Amino acid sequence: MPLKTLGFAALATLLLAGPAAMAQAPSAPVCVHDESVKERFVPVELLTGNPITESRELVFAPVDRVYPFVDELPDGSLGKGEAALKGPLSWEGQEVYERKVPRAHERFALTPDRTAIGRVYDQRFGNASNEGKFPVGAWSQGQVRRYSTTYFSPRGPRQETTTLEIEKLSCTYEGVPGALQYGWKTSGGLSYGYIYAPGKGLVHVMTRAGGR
């Protein structure tokens, strides 16, 4: 629109704000929900980025890769992160994957009921048991599962409830179908959203409440 057609007040506002205010901030990618998918077997390969097979076995296949992800903050601002995933490794009698992200060095194992993968170690607090952090196995759209989790630290054990909720059991993320979006919460007040895509692994982290 030519400047002469702008009202005086609008023109003054734009001039005072400057070009940075007129530029539109990039929006976060959206995983487009496929609402026809009501039930799904979520394989470990969705976590690792390895090729997905027809098998319904939860197997920790070898992986050693680095992949980028979108880091979305509560105010909508976007950053970029990078995760390195390696394994499986044997650690304290468990088969684990080791992951390094900008803020943490973590190890993950299957929960005893084999419905999720969760941290058994995090350098920020120590060991953990029965944490649900990534859903695996048979899940349905909108399903919620809760896990009685123990976090061990130098100050002693702490009991919390970790919760997984399927938000989009199948969705298309930047042209890749078959992605998964879910929410993760703790009774201590943390709340995150995650998107994993076939062949890519973790592609998007959404911090909703809690620390970084």
C-alpha atoms as a PDB file:
ATOM      1  CA  MET A   1       0.000   0.000   0.000  1.00  0.00           C
ATOM      2  CA  PRO A   2       1.452   3.485  -0.879  1.00  0.00           C
ATOM      3  CA  LEU A   3       2.479   5.493   2.157  1.00  0.00           C
ATOM      4  CA  LYS A   4       0.151   8.380   1.215  1.00  0.00           C
ATOM      5  CA  THR A   5      -2.875   6.140   1.695  1.00  0.00           C
ATOM      6  CA  LEU A   6      -1.927   5.313   5.283  1.00  0.00           C
ATOM      7  CA  GLY A   7      -3.558   7.267   8.074  1.00  0.00           C
ATOM      8  CA  PHE A   8      -1.262   9.636   9.885  1.00  0.00           C
ATOM      9  CA  ALA A   9      -1.435   7.685  13.156  1.00  0.00           C
ATOM     10  CA  ALA A  10      -0.674   4.358  11.471  1.00  0.00           C
ATOM     11  CA  LEU A  11       2.226   5.837   9.536  1.00  0.00           C
ATOM     12  CA  ALA A  12       3.674   7.412  12.670  1.00  0.00           C
ATOM     13  CA  THR A  13       3.434   4.083  14.511  1.00  0.00           C
ATOM     14  CA  LEU A  14       5.272   2.220  11.767  1.00  0.00           C
ATOM     15  CA  LEU A  15       8.000   4.836  11.500  1.00  0.00           C
ATOM     16  CA  LEU A  16       8.567   4.859  15.258  1.00  0.00           C
ATOM     17  CA  ALA A  17       8.583   1.071  15.485  1.00  0.00           C
ATOM     18  CA  GLY A  18      11.170   0.666  12.752  1.00  0.00           C
ATOM     19  CA  PRO A  19      11.604  -2.107  10.177  1.00  0.00           C
ATOM     20  CA  ALA A  20      12.299  -4.830  12.775  1.00  0.00           C
ATOM     21  CA  ALA A  21       8.798  -4.454  14.191  1.00  0.00           C
ATOM     22  CA  MET A  22       7.266  -4.606  10.707  1.00  0.00           C
ATOM     23  CA  ALA A  23       9.119  -7.814   9.879  1.00  0.00           C
ATOM     24  CA  GLN A  24       7.138 -10.934  10.705  1.00  0.00           C
ATOM     25  CA  ALA A  25       8.820 -13.400  13.053  1.00  0.00           C
ATOM     26  CA  PRO A  26       9.110 -16.934  11.672  1.00  0.00           C
ATOM     27  CA  SER A  27       6.415 -19.265  12.950  1.00  0.00           C
ATOM     28  CA  ALA A  28       7.076 -22.745  14.290  1.00  0.00           C
ATOM     29  CA  PRO A  29       6.469 -25.674  11.926  1.00  0.00           C
ATOM     30  CA  VAL A  30       3.150 -27.421  12.545  1.00  0.00           C
ATOM     31  CA  CYS A  31       2.678 -31.184  12.434  1.00  0.00           C
ATOM     32  CA  VAL A  32      -0.521 -31.637  10.383  1.00  0.00           C
ATOM     33  CA  HIS A  33      -2.736 -34.150  12.165  1.00  0.00           C
ATOM     34  CA  ASP A  34      -3.960 -37.262  10.352  1.00  0.00           C
ATOM     35  CA  GLU A  35      -7.165 -37.762  12.320  1.00  0.00           C
ATOM     36  CA  SER A  36      -7.923 -41.070  10.597  1.00  0.00           C
ATOM     37  CA  VAL A  37      -5.215 -42.836  12.654  1.00  0.00           C
ATOM     38  CA  LYS A  38      -6.748 -43.931  15.964  1.00  0.00           C
ATOM     39  CA  GLU A  39      -4.347 -46.686  17.014  1.00  0.00           C
ATOM     40  CA  ARG A  40      -0.694 -47.253  16.278  1.00  0.00           C
ATOM     41  CA  PHE A  41       2.325 -49.322  17.234  1.00  0.00           C
ATOM     42  CA  VAL A  42       5.074 -46.803  18.023  1.00  0.00           C
ATOM     43  CA  PRO A  43       8.472 -48.382  17.280  1.00  0.00           C
ATOM     44  CA  VAL A  44      11.827 -47.607  18.854  1.00  0.00           C
ATOM     45  CA  GLU A  45      12.958 -46.584  15.348  1.00  0.00           C
ATOM     46  CA  LEU A  46      10.836 -43.434  15.574  1.00  0.00           C
ATOM     47  CA  LEU A  47      13.128 -42.349  18.416  1.00  0.00           C
ATOM     48  CA  THR A  48      16.387 -43.343  16.733  1.00  0.00           C
ATOM     49  CA  GLY A  49      15.627 -42.327  13.154  1.00  0.00           C
ATOM     50  CA  ASN A  50      16.547 -45.812  11.928  1.00  0.00           C
ATOM     51  CA  PRO A  51      14.440 -47.308   9.088  1.00  0.00           C
ATOM     52  CA  ILE A  52      11.056 -48.467  10.387  1.00  0.00           C
ATOM     53  CA  THR A  53      10.268 -52.125   9.755  1.00  0.00           C
ATOM     54  CA  GLU A  54       7.068 -54.156  10.014  1.00  0.00           C
ATOM     55  CA  SER A  55       8.255 -55.804  13.236  1.00  0.00           C
ATOM     56  CA  ARG A  56       6.309 -55.158  16.423  1.00  0.00           C
ATOM     57  CA  GLU A  57       9.312 -55.984  18.598  1.00  0.00           C
ATOM     58  CA  LEU A  58      10.859 -53.274  20.758  1.00  0.00           C
ATOM     59  CA  VAL A  59      14.506 -53.682  19.837  1.00  0.00           C
ATOM     60  CA  PHE A  60      17.368 -51.309  20.633  1.00  0.00           C
ATOM     61  CA  ALA A  61      19.083 -51.493  17.251  1.00  0.00           C
ATOM     62  CA  PRO A  62      22.496 -49.847  16.751  1.00  0.00           C
ATOM     63  CA  VAL A  63      22.525 -46.119  16.128  1.00  0.00           C
ATOM     64  CA  ASP A  64      25.236 -43.474  16.069  1.00  0.00           C
ATOM     65  CA  ARG A  65      24.021 -40.217  14.617  1.00  0.00           C
ATOM     66  CA  VAL A  66      23.693 -36.481  15.137  1.00  0.00           C
ATOM     67  CA  TYR A  67      20.522 -34.689  14.093  1.00  0.00           C
ATOM     68  CA  PRO A  68      19.118 -31.149  14.393  1.00  0.00           C
ATOM     69  CA  PHE A  69      15.828 -30.097  15.961  1.00  0.00           C
ATOM     70  CA  VAL A  70      13.696 -26.965  16.282  1.00  0.00           C
ATOM     71  CA  ASP A  71      13.710 -25.523  19.810  1.00  0.00           C
ATOM     72  CA  GLU A  72      10.461 -23.635  20.532  1.00  0.00           C
ATOM     73  CA  LEU A  73      10.185 -21.512  23.701  1.00  0.00           C
ATOM     74  CA  PRO A  74       6.975 -20.542  25.549  1.00  0.00           C
ATOM     75  CA  ASP A  75       6.959 -17.055  23.995  1.00  0.00           C
ATOM     76  CA  GLY A  76       6.956 -18.589  20.512  1.00  0.00           C
ATOM     77  CA  SER A  77      10.572 -17.718  19.741  1.00  0.00           C
ATOM     78  CA  LEU A  78      12.523 -20.351  17.855  1.00  0.00           C
ATOM     79  CA  GLY A  79      16.028 -21.646  18.189  1.00  0.00           C
ATOM     80  CA  LYS A  80      17.945 -24.654  16.963  1.00  0.00           C
ATOM     81  CA  GLY A  81      19.396 -27.574  18.827  1.00  0.00           C
ATOM     82  CA  GLU A  82      21.370 -30.665  18.007  1.00  0.00           C
ATOM     83  CA  ALA A  83      21.181 -34.138  19.550  1.00  0.00           C
ATOM     84  CA  ALA A  84      23.731 -36.936  19.377  1.00  0.00           C
ATOM     85  CA  LEU A  85      22.335 -40.438  19.907  1.00  0.00           C
ATOM     86  CA  LYS A  86      24.471 -43.541  20.339  1.00  0.00           C
ATOM     87  CA  GLY A  87      23.938 -47.140  21.413  1.00  0.00           C
ATOM     88  CA  PRO A  88      22.877 -49.534  22.543  1.00  0.00           C
ATOM     89  CA  LEU A  89      25.273 -49.595  25.470  1.00  0.00           C
ATOM     90  CA  SER A  90      25.286 -51.717  28.594  1.00  0.00           C
ATOM     91  CA  TRP A  91      24.971 -49.570  31.719  1.00  0.00           C
ATOM     92  CA  GLU A  92      24.247 -50.848  35.243  1.00  0.00           C
ATOM     93  CA  GLY A  93      22.725 -54.041  33.886  1.00  0.00           C
ATOM     94  CA  GLN A  94      20.455 -52.242  31.428  1.00  0.00           C
ATOM     95  CA  GLU A  95      20.505 -51.764  27.669  1.00  0.00           C
ATOM     96  CA  VAL A  96      20.523 -48.024  27.062  1.00  0.00           C
ATOM     97  CA  TYR A  97      20.827 -45.354  24.441  1.00  0.00           C
ATOM     98  CA  GLU A  98      23.085 -42.427  25.268  1.00  0.00           C
ATOM     99  CA  ARG A  99      21.986 -38.979  24.146  1.00  0.00           C
ATOM    100  CA  LYS A 100      23.722 -35.632  24.344  1.00  0.00           C
ATOM    101  CA  VAL A 101      21.750 -32.426  23.791  1.00  0.00           C
ATOM    102  CA  PRO A 102      22.842 -28.812  24.410  1.00  0.00           C
ATOM    103  CA  ARG A 103      21.729 -28.909  28.041  1.00  0.00           C
ATOM    104  CA  ALA A 104      22.202 -32.514  29.078  1.00  0.00           C
ATOM    105  CA  HIS A 105      23.956 -35.859  28.842  1.00  0.00           C
ATOM    106  CA  GLU A 106      21.335 -38.600  29.247  1.00  0.00           C
ATOM    107  CA  ARG A 107      20.855 -42.371  29.118  1.00  0.00           C
ATOM    108  CA  PHE A 108      17.525 -43.984  28.203  1.00  0.00           C
ATOM    109  CA  ALA A 109      16.062 -47.455  28.763  1.00  0.00           C
ATOM    110  CA  LEU A 110      12.695 -49.178  28.448  1.00  0.00           C
ATOM    111  CA  THR A 111      10.311 -48.855  31.378  1.00  0.00           C
ATOM    112  CA  PRO A 112       9.561 -52.147  33.178  1.00  0.00           C
ATOM    113  CA  ASP A 113       6.117 -52.352  31.529  1.00  0.00           C
ATOM    114  CA  ARG A 114       7.675 -51.702  28.082  1.00  0.00           C
ATOM    115  CA  THR A 115       5.218 -48.921  27.193  1.00  0.00           C
ATOM    116  CA  ALA A 116       7.803 -46.127  27.163  1.00  0.00           C
ATOM    117  CA  ILE A 117      11.467 -45.217  27.104  1.00  0.00           C
ATOM    118  CA  GLY A 118      12.744 -42.916  29.820  1.00  0.00           C
ATOM    119  CA  ARG A 119      15.855 -41.572  31.425  1.00  0.00           C
ATOM    120  CA  VAL A 120      17.771 -43.785  33.798  1.00  0.00           C
ATOM    121  CA  TYR A 121      20.568 -41.215  34.075  1.00  0.00           C
ATOM    122  CA  ASP A 122      20.877 -37.473  33.556  1.00  0.00           C
ATOM    123  CA  GLN A 123      24.002 -35.537  34.462  1.00  0.00           C
ATOM    124  CA  ARG A 124      21.845 -32.733  35.876  1.00  0.00           C
ATOM    125  CA  PHE A 125      20.332 -34.811  38.686  1.00  0.00           C
ATOM    126  CA  GLY A 126      21.708 -38.367  38.665  1.00  0.00           C
ATOM    127  CA  ASN A 127      19.831 -41.641  38.184  1.00  0.00           C
ATOM    128  CA  ALA A 128      16.127 -42.310  37.627  1.00  0.00           C
ATOM    129  CA  SER A 129      13.775 -45.256  37.379  1.00  0.00           C
ATOM    130  CA  ASN A 130      10.445 -45.853  35.617  1.00  0.00           C
ATOM    131  CA  GLU A 131      10.314 -42.520  33.818  1.00  0.00           C
ATOM    132  CA  GLY A 132       7.976 -42.334  30.830  1.00  0.00           C
ATOM    133  CA  LYS A 133       9.603 -39.910  28.365  1.00  0.00           C
ATOM    134  CA  PHE A 134       8.967 -41.428  24.911  1.00  0.00           C
ATOM    135  CA  PRO A 135       5.955 -43.665  24.129  1.00  0.00           C
ATOM    136  CA  VAL A 136       6.603 -47.042  22.489  1.00  0.00           C
ATOM    137  CA  GLY A 137       4.430 -50.025  21.706  1.00  0.00           C
ATOM    138  CA  ALA A 138       0.648 -49.880  21.275  1.00  0.00           C
ATOM    139  CA  TRP A 139      -0.888 -46.429  21.786  1.00  0.00           C
ATOM    140  CA  SER A 140      -4.155 -44.779  20.762  1.00  0.00           C
ATOM    141  CA  GLN A 141      -5.057 -41.211  19.853  1.00  0.00           C
ATOM    142  CA  GLY A 142      -5.444 -39.058  22.970  1.00  0.00           C
ATOM    143  CA  GLN A 143      -4.235 -41.795  25.293  1.00  0.00           C
ATOM    144  CA  VAL A 144      -2.665 -40.778  28.609  1.00  0.00           C
ATOM    145  CA  ARG A 145      -0.344 -42.945  30.678  1.00  0.00           C
ATOM    146  CA  ARG A 146       1.195 -42.083  34.028  1.00  0.00           C
ATOM    147  CA  TYR A 147       4.387 -43.460  35.559  1.00  0.00           C
ATOM    148  CA  SER A 148       5.473 -43.481  39.178  1.00  0.00           C
ATOM    149  CA  THR A 149       9.010 -42.208  38.747  1.00  0.00           C
ATOM    150  CA  THR A 150      11.893 -42.027  41.196  1.00  0.00           C
ATOM    151  CA  TYR A 151      14.669 -39.498  40.687  1.00  0.00           C
ATOM    152  CA  PHE A 152      17.849 -40.108  42.657  1.00  0.00           C
ATOM    153  CA  SER A 153      20.160 -37.230  43.517  1.00  0.00           C
ATOM    154  CA  PRO A 154      22.830 -36.499  46.144  1.00  0.00           C
ATOM    155  CA  ARG A 155      20.033 -35.045  48.300  1.00  0.00           C
ATOM    156  CA  GLY A 156      18.142 -38.339  48.231  1.00  0.00           C
ATOM    157  CA  PRO A 157      15.340 -39.923  46.192  1.00  0.00           C
ATOM    158  CA  ARG A 158      12.374 -37.881  44.981  1.00  0.00           C
ATOM    159  CA  GLN A 159       9.054 -39.351  43.848  1.00  0.00           C
ATOM    160  CA  GLU A 160       7.178 -37.771  40.960  1.00  0.00           C
ATOM    161  CA  THR A 161       4.539 -38.750  38.445  1.00  0.00           C
ATOM    162  CA  THR A 162       5.552 -38.463  34.805  1.00  0.00           C
ATOM    163  CA  THR A 163       2.761 -38.319  32.238  1.00  0.00           C
ATOM    164  CA  LEU A 164       2.671 -39.006  28.508  1.00  0.00           C
ATOM    165  CA  GLU A 165      -0.275 -37.801  26.410  1.00  0.00           C
ATOM    166  CA  ILE A 166      -0.677 -38.521  22.709  1.00  0.00           C
ATOM    167  CA  GLU A 167      -1.618 -35.253  20.995  1.00  0.00           C
ATOM    168  CA  LYS A 168      -1.241 -36.329  17.357  1.00  0.00           C
ATOM    169  CA  LEU A 169      -0.738 -40.050  16.937  1.00  0.00           C
ATOM    170  CA  SER A 170       0.131 -39.554  13.280  1.00  0.00           C
ATOM    171  CA  CYS A 171       0.917 -36.264  11.590  1.00  0.00           C
ATOM    172  CA  THR A 172       2.954 -34.814   8.727  1.00  0.00           C
ATOM    173  CA  TYR A 173       5.943 -32.676   9.732  1.00  0.00           C
ATOM    174  CA  GLU A 174       7.568 -30.607   6.987  1.00  0.00           C
ATOM    175  CA  GLY A 175       6.450 -33.079   4.334  1.00  0.00           C
ATOM    176  CA  VAL A 176       7.301 -36.239   6.321  1.00  0.00           C
ATOM    177  CA  PRO A 177       4.200 -38.355   7.139  1.00  0.00           C
ATOM    178  CA  GLY A 178       3.941 -40.730  10.081  1.00  0.00           C
ATOM    179  CA  ALA A 179       5.377 -38.318  12.660  1.00  0.00           C
ATOM    180  CA  LEU A 180       4.248 -38.363  16.291  1.00  0.00           C
ATOM    181  CA  GLN A 181       3.450 -35.414  18.574  1.00  0.00           C
ATOM    182  CA  TYR A 182       2.958 -35.900  22.297  1.00  0.00           C
ATOM    183  CA  GLY A 183       3.066 -34.039  25.588  1.00  0.00           C
ATOM    184  CA  TRP A 184       5.247 -34.894  28.577  1.00  0.00           C
ATOM    185  CA  LYS A 185       4.627 -33.568  32.085  1.00  0.00           C
ATOM    186  CA  THR A 186       5.927 -34.114  35.591  1.00  0.00           C
ATOM    187  CA  SER A 187       4.069 -33.563  38.848  1.00  0.00           C
ATOM    188  CA  GLY A 188       6.921 -31.196  39.709  1.00  0.00           C
ATOM    189  CA  GLY A 189       5.733 -28.697  37.096  1.00  0.00           C
ATOM    190  CA  LEU A 190       7.688 -29.451  33.916  1.00  0.00           C
ATOM    191  CA  SER A 191       5.730 -29.551  30.657  1.00  0.00           C
ATOM    192  CA  TYR A 192       7.139 -30.169  27.191  1.00  0.00           C
ATOM    193  CA  GLY A 193       5.899 -31.189  23.784  1.00  0.00           C
ATOM    194  CA  TYR A 194       7.896 -33.348  21.379  1.00  0.00           C
ATOM    195  CA  ILE A 195       7.646 -34.269  17.713  1.00  0.00           C
ATOM    196  CA  TYR A 196       9.505 -37.246  16.244  1.00  0.00           C
ATOM    197  CA  ALA A 197       9.520 -38.018  12.516  1.00  0.00           C
ATOM    198  CA  PRO A 198      10.388 -41.244  10.652  1.00  0.00           C
ATOM    199  CA  GLY A 199      13.970 -41.309   9.424  1.00  0.00           C
ATOM    200  CA  LYS A 200      14.803 -38.198  11.444  1.00  0.00           C
ATOM    201  CA  GLY A 201      14.150 -38.907  15.129  1.00  0.00           C
ATOM    202  CA  LEU A 202      13.603 -35.825  17.277  1.00  0.00           C
ATOM    203  CA  VAL A 203      12.668 -32.842  15.098  1.00  0.00           C
ATOM    204  CA  HIS A 204      10.877 -30.412  17.423  1.00  0.00           C
ATOM    205  CA  VAL A 205      10.968 -29.588  21.149  1.00  0.00           C
ATOM    206  CA  MET A 206       8.309 -27.314  22.688  1.00  0.00           C
ATOM    207  CA  THR A 207       9.030 -25.941  26.168  1.00  0.00           C
ATOM    208  CA  ARG A 208       5.643 -25.230  27.739  1.00  0.00           C
ATOM    209  CA  ALA A 209       6.432 -24.847  31.437  1.00  0.00           C
ATOM    210  CA  GLY A 210       9.473 -25.328  33.624  1.00  0.00           C
ATOM    211  CA  GLY A 211      13.212 -24.995  33.331  1.00  0.00           C
ATOM    212  CA  ARG A 212      15.397 -25.418  30.296  1.00  0.00           C
END
